[in-house]
PDB file of all heavy atoms in Angstrom:
ATOM      1  N   PRO A   1     153.163 191.284 -64.892  1.00  0.00           N
ATOM      2  CA  PRO A   1     153.842 190.406 -63.993  1.00  0.00           C
ATOM      3  C   PRO A   1     153.847 188.982 -64.524  1.00  0.00           C
ATOM      4  O   PRO A   1     153.100 188.648 -65.501  1.00  0.00           O
ATOM      5  CB  PRO A   1     153.012 190.477 -62.702  1.00  0.00           C
ATOM      6  CG  PRO A   1     152.266 191.779 -62.828  1.00  0.00           C
ATOM      7  CD  PRO A   1     152.009 191.965 -64.252  1.00  0.00           C
ATOM      8  N   PRO A   2     154.627 188.095 -63.966  1.00  0.00           N
ATOM      9  CA  PRO A   2     154.659 186.725 -64.418  1.00  0.00           C
ATOM     10  C   PRO A   2     153.305 186.035 -64.412  1.00  0.00           C
ATOM     11  O   PRO A   2     152.432 186.346 -63.614  1.00  0.00           O
ATOM     12  CB  PRO A   2     155.586 186.038 -63.408  1.00  0.00           C
ATOM     13  CG  PRO A   2     156.440 187.132 -62.861  1.00  0.00           C
ATOM     14  CD  PRO A   2     155.584 188.363 -62.854  1.00  0.00           C
ATOM     15  N   ASP A   3     153.100 185.079 -65.308  1.00  0.00           N
ATOM     16  CA  ASP A   3     151.871 184.334 -65.316  1.00  0.00           C
ATOM     17  C   ASP A   3     151.679 183.629 -63.956  1.00  0.00           C
ATOM     18  O   ASP A   3     152.714 183.248 -63.343  1.00  0.00           O
ATOM     19  CB  ASP A   3     151.887 183.231 -66.425  1.00  0.00           C
ATOM     20  CG  ASP A   3     151.992 183.832 -67.828  1.00  0.00           C
ATOM     21  OD1 ASP A   3     151.710 185.046 -67.963  1.00  0.00           O
ATOM     22  OD2 ASP A   3     152.320 183.064 -68.775  1.00  0.00           O
ATOM     23  N   HIS A   4     150.440 183.479 -63.594  1.00  0.00           N
ATOM     24  CA  HIS A   4     150.163 182.872 -62.274  1.00  0.00           C
ATOM     25  C   HIS A   4     150.774 181.472 -62.178  1.00  0.00           C
ATOM     26  O   HIS A   4     151.261 181.106 -61.036  1.00  0.00           O
ATOM     27  CB  HIS A   4     148.684 182.820 -62.033  1.00  0.00           C
ATOM     28  CG  HIS A   4     147.948 181.872 -62.821  1.00  0.00           C
ATOM     29  ND1 HIS A   4     147.470 182.100 -64.114  1.00  0.00           N
ATOM     30  CD2 HIS A   4     147.537 180.587 -62.553  1.00  0.00           C
ATOM     31  CE1 HIS A   4     146.831 181.082 -64.585  1.00  0.00           C
ATOM     32  NE2 HIS A   4     146.876 180.111 -63.701  1.00  0.00           N
ATOM     33  N   ALA A   5     150.836 180.710 -63.239  1.00  0.00           N
ATOM     34  CA  ALA A   5     151.427 179.390 -63.185  1.00  0.00           C
ATOM     35  C   ALA A   5     152.893 179.411 -62.877  1.00  0.00           C
ATOM     36  O   ALA A   5     153.495 178.393 -62.414  1.00  0.00           O
ATOM     37  CB  ALA A   5     151.110 178.644 -64.473  1.00  0.00           C
ATOM     38  N   ASP A   6     153.576 180.511 -63.156  1.00  0.00           N
ATOM     39  CA  ASP A   6     155.025 180.581 -62.978  1.00  0.00           C
ATOM     40  C   ASP A   6     155.400 181.159 -61.627  1.00  0.00           C
ATOM     41  O   ASP A   6     156.566 181.341 -61.298  1.00  0.00           O
ATOM     42  CB  ASP A   6     155.618 181.502 -64.073  1.00  0.00           C
ATOM     43  CG  ASP A   6     155.485 180.955 -65.456  1.00  0.00           C
ATOM     44  OD1 ASP A   6     155.428 179.673 -65.536  1.00  0.00           O
ATOM     45  OD2 ASP A   6     155.359 181.697 -66.436  1.00  0.00           O
ATOM     46  N   LEU A   7     154.433 181.555 -60.809  1.00  0.00           N
ATOM     47  CA  LEU A   7     154.718 182.214 -59.587  1.00  0.00           C
ATOM     48  C   LEU A   7     155.626 181.368 -58.610  1.00  0.00           C
ATOM     49  O   LEU A   7     156.557 181.891 -57.999  1.00  0.00           O
ATOM     50  CB  LEU A   7     153.437 182.611 -58.843  1.00  0.00           C
ATOM     51  CG  LEU A   7     152.681 183.783 -59.449  1.00  0.00           C
ATOM     52  CD1 LEU A   7     151.389 184.005 -58.664  1.00  0.00           C
ATOM     53  CD2 LEU A   7     153.522 185.080 -59.404  1.00  0.00           C
ATOM     54  N   PRO A   8     155.392 180.064 -58.499  1.00  0.00           N
ATOM     55  CA  PRO A   8     156.266 179.292 -57.600  1.00  0.00           C
ATOM     56  C   PRO A   8     157.753 179.367 -57.966  1.00  0.00           C
ATOM     57  O   PRO A   8     158.568 179.569 -57.060  1.00  0.00           O
ATOM     58  CB  PRO A   8     155.761 177.861 -57.757  1.00  0.00           C
ATOM     59  CG  PRO A   8     154.304 178.023 -58.114  1.00  0.00           C
ATOM     60  CD  PRO A   8     154.261 179.255 -59.050  1.00  0.00           C
ATOM     61  N   GLN A   9     158.098 179.336 -59.240  1.00  0.00           N
ATOM     62  CA  GLN A   9     159.470 179.454 -59.636  1.00  0.00           C
ATOM     63  C   GLN A   9     160.062 180.827 -59.416  1.00  0.00           C
ATOM     64  O   GLN A   9     161.238 181.020 -59.066  1.00  0.00           O
ATOM     65  CB  GLN A   9     159.724 178.956 -61.036  1.00  0.00           C
ATOM     66  CG  GLN A   9     159.002 179.744 -62.070  1.00  0.00           C
ATOM     67  CD  GLN A   9     159.284 179.177 -63.564  1.00  0.00           C
ATOM     68  OE1 GLN A   9     160.473 178.849 -63.832  1.00  0.00           O
ATOM     69  NE2 GLN A   9     158.305 179.132 -64.390  1.00  0.00           N
ATOM     70  N   PHE A  10     159.233 181.855 -59.640  1.00  0.00           N
ATOM     71  CA  PHE A  10     159.697 183.198 -59.408  1.00  0.00           C
ATOM     72  C   PHE A  10     159.910 183.489 -57.902  1.00  0.00           C
ATOM     73  O   PHE A  10     160.887 184.143 -57.540  1.00  0.00           O
ATOM     74  CB  PHE A  10     158.741 184.265 -60.011  1.00  0.00           C
ATOM     75  CG  PHE A  10     158.989 184.486 -61.478  1.00  0.00           C
ATOM     76  CD1 PHE A  10     158.406 183.712 -62.427  1.00  0.00           C
ATOM     77  CD2 PHE A  10     159.838 185.510 -61.886  1.00  0.00           C
ATOM     78  CE1 PHE A  10     158.656 183.937 -63.774  1.00  0.00           C
ATOM     79  CE2 PHE A  10     160.099 185.806 -63.196  1.00  0.00           C
ATOM     80  CZ  PHE A  10     159.494 184.987 -64.148  1.00  0.00           C
ATOM     81  N   MET A  11     159.002 182.989 -57.076  1.00  0.00           N
ATOM     82  CA  MET A  11     159.196 183.187 -55.629  1.00  0.00           C
ATOM     83  C   MET A  11     160.346 182.376 -55.090  1.00  0.00           C
ATOM     84  O   MET A  11     161.006 182.762 -54.185  1.00  0.00           O
ATOM     85  CB  MET A  11     157.910 182.883 -54.916  1.00  0.00           C
ATOM     86  CG  MET A  11     156.780 183.842 -55.194  1.00  0.00           C
ATOM     87  SD  MET A  11     157.240 185.619 -54.966  1.00  0.00           S
ATOM     88  CE  MET A  11     157.629 185.680 -53.224  1.00  0.00           C
ATOM     89  N   ALA A  12     160.633 181.196 -55.773  1.00  0.00           N
ATOM     90  CA  ALA A  12     161.801 180.400 -55.340  1.00  0.00           C
ATOM     91  C   ALA A  12     163.074 181.152 -55.731  1.00  0.00           C
ATOM     92  O   ALA A  12     164.040 181.146 -54.918  1.00  0.00           O
ATOM     93  CB  ALA A  12     161.776 179.046 -56.119  1.00  0.00           C
ATOM     94  N   ARG A  13     163.104 181.832 -56.847  1.00  0.00           N
ATOM     95  CA  ARG A  13     164.239 182.665 -57.232  1.00  0.00           C
ATOM     96  C   ARG A  13     164.393 183.833 -56.280  1.00  0.00           C
ATOM     97  O   ARG A  13     165.493 184.221 -55.850  1.00  0.00           O
ATOM     98  CB  ARG A  13     164.100 183.145 -58.697  1.00  0.00           C
ATOM     99  CG  ARG A  13     165.171 184.138 -59.140  1.00  0.00           C
ATOM    100  CD  ARG A  13     166.550 183.524 -59.115  1.00  0.00           C
ATOM    101  NE  ARG A  13     167.625 184.482 -59.410  1.00  0.00           N
ATOM    102  CZ  ARG A  13     168.737 184.601 -58.682  1.00  0.00           C
ATOM    103  NH1 ARG A  13     168.922 183.847 -57.581  1.00  0.00           N
ATOM    104  NH2 ARG A  13     169.650 185.484 -58.962  1.00  0.00           N
ATOM    105  N   PHE A  14     163.288 184.436 -55.840  1.00  0.00           N
ATOM    106  CA  PHE A  14     163.263 185.485 -54.874  1.00  0.00           C
ATOM    107  C   PHE A  14     163.955 185.024 -53.611  1.00  0.00           C
ATOM    108  O   PHE A  14     164.838 185.698 -53.004  1.00  0.00           O
ATOM    109  CB  PHE A  14     161.837 185.894 -54.630  1.00  0.00           C
ATOM    110  CG  PHE A  14     161.615 187.131 -53.730  1.00  0.00           C
ATOM    111  CD1 PHE A  14     161.663 188.374 -54.203  1.00  0.00           C
ATOM    112  CD2 PHE A  14     161.386 186.898 -52.336  1.00  0.00           C
ATOM    113  CE1 PHE A  14     161.445 189.497 -53.402  1.00  0.00           C
ATOM    114  CE2 PHE A  14     161.215 188.028 -51.520  1.00  0.00           C
ATOM    115  CZ  PHE A  14     161.257 189.289 -52.062  1.00  0.00           C
ATOM    116  N   ASP A  15     163.567 183.837 -53.121  1.00  0.00           N
ATOM    117  CA  ASP A  15     164.204 183.258 -51.904  1.00  0.00           C
ATOM    118  C   ASP A  15     165.712 183.025 -52.093  1.00  0.00           C
ATOM    119  O   ASP A  15     166.525 183.420 -51.211  1.00  0.00           O
ATOM    120  CB  ASP A  15     163.600 181.920 -51.593  1.00  0.00           C
ATOM    121  CG  ASP A  15     162.217 182.063 -50.943  1.00  0.00           C
ATOM    122  OD1 ASP A  15     161.819 183.202 -50.626  1.00  0.00           O
ATOM    123  OD2 ASP A  15     161.552 181.005 -50.732  1.00  0.00           O
ATOM    124  N   ARG A  16     166.087 182.473 -53.171  1.00  0.00           N
ATOM    125  CA  ARG A  16     167.566 182.187 -53.449  1.00  0.00           C
ATOM    126  C   ARG A  16     168.320 183.479 -53.505  1.00  0.00           C
ATOM    127  O   ARG A  16     169.479 183.552 -52.982  1.00  0.00           O
ATOM    128  CB  ARG A  16     167.750 181.413 -54.747  1.00  0.00           C
ATOM    129  CG  ARG A  16     167.240 179.921 -54.664  1.00  0.00           C
ATOM    130  CD  ARG A  16     167.803 179.156 -55.828  1.00  0.00           C
ATOM    131  NE  ARG A  16     167.427 179.737 -57.120  1.00  0.00           N
ATOM    132  CZ  ARG A  16     166.355 179.472 -57.773  1.00  0.00           C
ATOM    133  NH1 ARG A  16     165.409 178.707 -57.277  1.00  0.00           N
ATOM    134  NH2 ARG A  16     166.133 180.053 -58.993  1.00  0.00           N
ATOM    135  N   ALA A  17     167.779 184.523 -54.113  1.00  0.00           N
ATOM    136  CA  ALA A  17     168.562 185.751 -54.264  1.00  0.00           C
ATOM    137  C   ALA A  17     168.799 186.454 -52.988  1.00  0.00           C
ATOM    138  O   ALA A  17     169.860 187.070 -52.807  1.00  0.00           O
ATOM    139  CB  ALA A  17     167.814 186.682 -55.243  1.00  0.00           C
ATOM    140  N   TYR A  18     167.891 186.439 -52.086  1.00  0.00           N
ATOM    141  CA  TYR A  18     167.960 187.268 -50.901  1.00  0.00           C
ATOM    142  C   TYR A  18     168.259 186.512 -49.599  1.00  0.00           C
ATOM    143  O   TYR A  18     168.529 187.126 -48.567  1.00  0.00           O
ATOM    144  CB  TYR A  18     166.683 188.123 -50.712  1.00  0.00           C
ATOM    145  CG  TYR A  18     166.424 188.960 -51.929  1.00  0.00           C
ATOM    146  CD1 TYR A  18     165.252 188.876 -52.672  1.00  0.00           C
ATOM    147  CD2 TYR A  18     167.387 189.920 -52.410  1.00  0.00           C
ATOM    148  CE1 TYR A  18     165.045 189.654 -53.797  1.00  0.00           C
ATOM    149  CE2 TYR A  18     167.210 190.617 -53.506  1.00  0.00           C
ATOM    150  CZ  TYR A  18     165.994 190.503 -54.201  1.00  0.00           C
ATOM    151  OH  TYR A  18     165.820 191.294 -55.358  1.00  0.00           O
ATOM    152  N   THR A  19     168.164 185.166 -49.640  1.00  0.00           N
ATOM    153  CA  THR A  19     168.401 184.378 -48.402  1.00  0.00           C
ATOM    154  C   THR A  19     169.438 183.280 -48.554  1.00  0.00           C
ATOM    155  O   THR A  19     169.945 182.822 -47.567  1.00  0.00           O
ATOM    156  CB  THR A  19     167.110 183.755 -47.925  1.00  0.00           C
ATOM    157  OG1 THR A  19     166.616 182.785 -48.842  1.00  0.00           O
ATOM    158  CG2 THR A  19     166.018 184.834 -47.692  1.00  0.00           C
ATOM    159  N   SER A  20     169.700 182.771 -49.761  1.00  0.00           N
ATOM    160  CA  SER A  20     170.586 181.637 -49.890  1.00  0.00           C
ATOM    161  C   SER A  20     171.380 181.729 -51.195  1.00  0.00           C
ATOM    162  O   SER A  20     170.828 181.657 -52.308  1.00  0.00           O
ATOM    163  CB  SER A  20     169.775 180.319 -49.867  1.00  0.00           C
ATOM    164  OG  SER A  20     170.612 179.218 -50.023  1.00  0.00           O
ATOM    165  N   PRO A  21     172.737 181.842 -51.153  1.00  0.00           N
ATOM    166  CA  PRO A  21     173.493 182.023 -49.916  1.00  0.00           C
ATOM    167  C   PRO A  21     173.287 183.417 -49.331  1.00  0.00           C
ATOM    168  O   PRO A  21     172.981 184.331 -50.137  1.00  0.00           O
ATOM    169  CB  PRO A  21     174.961 181.811 -50.383  1.00  0.00           C
ATOM    170  CG  PRO A  21     174.889 182.254 -51.842  1.00  0.00           C
ATOM    171  CD  PRO A  21     173.545 181.881 -52.355  1.00  0.00           C
ATOM    172  N   PRO A  22     173.468 183.583 -48.081  1.00  0.00           N
ATOM    173  CA  PRO A  22     173.204 184.951 -47.495  1.00  0.00           C
ATOM    174  C   PRO A  22     174.167 185.962 -47.957  1.00  0.00           C
ATOM    175  O   PRO A  22     175.360 185.730 -48.101  1.00  0.00           O
ATOM    176  CB  PRO A  22     173.314 184.673 -45.991  1.00  0.00           C
ATOM    177  CG  PRO A  22     174.196 183.477 -45.896  1.00  0.00           C
ATOM    178  CD  PRO A  22     173.910 182.652 -47.108  1.00  0.00           C
ATOM    179  N   LEU A  23     173.647 187.131 -48.291  1.00  0.00           N
ATOM    180  CA  LEU A  23     174.463 188.304 -48.599  1.00  0.00           C
ATOM    181  C   LEU A  23     175.112 188.810 -47.258  1.00  0.00           C
ATOM    182  O   LEU A  23     174.518 188.538 -46.200  1.00  0.00           O
ATOM    183  CB  LEU A  23     173.652 189.341 -49.260  1.00  0.00           C
ATOM    184  CG  LEU A  23     172.916 189.014 -50.591  1.00  0.00           C
ATOM    185  CD1 LEU A  23     171.948 190.127 -50.951  1.00  0.00           C
ATOM    186  CD2 LEU A  23     174.017 188.868 -51.730  1.00  0.00           C
ATOM    187  N   SER A  24     176.141 189.583 -47.343  1.00  0.00           N
ATOM    188  CA  SER A  24     176.633 190.303 -46.173  1.00  0.00           C
ATOM    189  C   SER A  24     175.611 191.258 -45.663  1.00  0.00           C
ATOM    190  O   SER A  24     174.719 191.688 -46.401  1.00  0.00           O
ATOM    191  CB  SER A  24     177.938 190.981 -46.482  1.00  0.00           C
ATOM    192  OG  SER A  24     177.695 192.106 -47.301  1.00  0.00           O
ATOM    193  N   ARG A  25     175.666 191.607 -44.415  1.00  0.00           N
ATOM    194  CA  ARG A  25     174.725 192.613 -43.869  1.00  0.00           C
ATOM    195  C   ARG A  25     174.741 193.905 -44.660  1.00  0.00           C
ATOM    196  O   ARG A  25     173.716 194.514 -44.987  1.00  0.00           O
ATOM    197  CB  ARG A  25     175.016 192.867 -42.402  1.00  0.00           C
ATOM    198  CG  ARG A  25     174.177 193.976 -41.746  1.00  0.00           C
ATOM    199  CD  ARG A  25     174.391 194.103 -40.281  1.00  0.00           C
ATOM    200  NE  ARG A  25     173.570 195.152 -39.672  1.00  0.00           N
ATOM    201  CZ  ARG A  25     174.022 196.395 -39.328  1.00  0.00           C
ATOM    202  NH1 ARG A  25     175.333 196.698 -39.560  1.00  0.00           N
ATOM    203  NH2 ARG A  25     173.248 197.266 -38.795  1.00  0.00           N
ATOM    204  N   PHE A  26     175.926 194.373 -45.030  1.00  0.00           N
ATOM    205  CA  PHE A  26     176.096 195.574 -45.795  1.00  0.00           C
ATOM    206  C   PHE A  26     175.392 195.506 -47.127  1.00  0.00           C
ATOM    207  O   PHE A  26     174.630 196.390 -47.492  1.00  0.00           O
ATOM    208  CB  PHE A  26     177.638 195.833 -45.992  1.00  0.00           C
ATOM    209  CG  PHE A  26     177.862 197.273 -46.431  1.00  0.00           C
ATOM    210  CD1 PHE A  26     178.119 198.234 -45.486  1.00  0.00           C
ATOM    211  CD2 PHE A  26     178.025 197.587 -47.778  1.00  0.00           C
ATOM    212  CE1 PHE A  26     178.406 199.529 -45.865  1.00  0.00           C
ATOM    213  CE2 PHE A  26     178.318 198.862 -48.139  1.00  0.00           C
ATOM    214  CZ  PHE A  26     178.514 199.849 -47.188  1.00  0.00           C
ATOM    215  N   ARG A  27     175.573 194.372 -47.778  1.00  0.00           N
ATOM    216  CA  ARG A  27     174.867 194.159 -49.125  1.00  0.00           C
ATOM    217  C   ARG A  27     173.387 193.978 -48.917  1.00  0.00           C
ATOM    218  O   ARG A  27     172.619 194.409 -49.786  1.00  0.00           O
ATOM    219  CB  ARG A  27     175.497 192.953 -49.792  1.00  0.00           C
ATOM    220  CG  ARG A  27     176.940 193.133 -50.284  1.00  0.00           C
ATOM    221  CD  ARG A  27     177.024 193.922 -51.606  1.00  0.00           C
ATOM    222  NE  ARG A  27     176.652 193.097 -52.716  1.00  0.00           N
ATOM    223  CZ  ARG A  27     175.925 193.483 -53.737  1.00  0.00           C
ATOM    224  NH1 ARG A  27     175.525 194.762 -53.792  1.00  0.00           N
ATOM    225  NH2 ARG A  27     175.658 192.652 -54.727  1.00  0.00           N
ATOM    226  N   GLN A  28     172.942 193.383 -47.851  1.00  0.00           N
ATOM    227  CA  GLN A  28     171.545 193.214 -47.627  1.00  0.00           C
ATOM    228  C   GLN A  28     170.880 194.615 -47.441  1.00  0.00           C
ATOM    229  O   GLN A  28     169.767 194.810 -47.919  1.00  0.00           O
ATOM    230  CB  GLN A  28     171.309 192.328 -46.424  1.00  0.00           C
ATOM    231  CG  GLN A  28     171.564 190.865 -46.691  1.00  0.00           C
ATOM    232  CD  GLN A  28     171.471 190.034 -45.395  1.00  0.00           C
ATOM    233  OE1 GLN A  28     171.735 190.519 -44.317  1.00  0.00           O
ATOM    234  NE2 GLN A  28     171.099 188.778 -45.588  1.00  0.00           N
ATOM    235  N   ILE A  29     171.525 195.487 -46.721  1.00  0.00           N
ATOM    236  CA  ILE A  29     170.995 196.846 -46.500  1.00  0.00           C
ATOM    237  C   ILE A  29     170.913 197.538 -47.869  1.00  0.00           C
ATOM    238  O   ILE A  29     169.936 198.230 -48.154  1.00  0.00           O
ATOM    239  CB  ILE A  29     171.810 197.619 -45.522  1.00  0.00           C
ATOM    240  CG1 ILE A  29     171.784 196.972 -44.128  1.00  0.00           C
ATOM    241  CG2 ILE A  29     171.352 199.055 -45.366  1.00  0.00           C
ATOM    242  CD1 ILE A  29     172.725 197.522 -43.082  1.00  0.00           C
ATOM    243  N   GLN A  30     171.992 197.426 -48.648  1.00  0.00           N
ATOM    244  CA  GLN A  30     171.973 198.024 -49.999  1.00  0.00           C
ATOM    245  C   GLN A  30     170.754 197.544 -50.833  1.00  0.00           C
ATOM    246  O   GLN A  30     170.173 198.305 -51.554  1.00  0.00           O
ATOM    247  CB  GLN A  30     173.223 197.640 -50.779  1.00  0.00           C
ATOM    248  CG  GLN A  30     174.412 198.505 -50.515  1.00  0.00           C
ATOM    249  CD  GLN A  30     175.583 198.155 -51.508  1.00  0.00           C
ATOM    250  OE1 GLN A  30     175.686 196.999 -51.931  1.00  0.00           O
ATOM    251  NE2 GLN A  30     176.382 199.122 -51.859  1.00  0.00           N
ATOM    252  N   ALA A  31     170.391 196.234 -50.612  1.00  0.00           N
ATOM    253  CA  ALA A  31     169.408 195.602 -51.467  1.00  0.00           C
ATOM    254  C   ALA A  31     167.998 195.682 -50.958  1.00  0.00           C
ATOM    255  O   ALA A  31     167.095 195.081 -51.568  1.00  0.00           O
ATOM    256  CB  ALA A  31     169.809 194.136 -51.669  1.00  0.00           C
ATOM    257  N   VAL A  32     167.742 196.372 -49.825  1.00  0.00           N
ATOM    258  CA  VAL A  32     166.340 196.414 -49.322  1.00  0.00           C
ATOM    259  C   VAL A  32     165.408 196.982 -50.409  1.00  0.00           C
ATOM    260  O   VAL A  32     164.284 196.515 -50.575  1.00  0.00           O
ATOM    261  CB  VAL A  32     166.260 197.221 -48.008  1.00  0.00           C
ATOM    262  CG1 VAL A  32     164.824 197.441 -47.639  1.00  0.00           C
ATOM    263  CG2 VAL A  32     167.031 196.505 -46.956  1.00  0.00           C
ATOM    264  N   GLY A  33     165.861 198.008 -51.142  1.00  0.00           N
ATOM    265  CA  GLY A  33     165.034 198.579 -52.186  1.00  0.00           C
ATOM    266  C   GLY A  33     164.824 197.552 -53.276  1.00  0.00           C
ATOM    267  O   GLY A  33     163.747 197.493 -53.917  1.00  0.00           O
TER     268      GLY A  33
END
């Protein structure tokens, strides 16, 4: 997994990918996995 020092930027990317901009409901269901 990413180095511990890089976790903030990886979790920021996680947020952007799944919450901003919001995916459609259909695409969000596709992406739960």
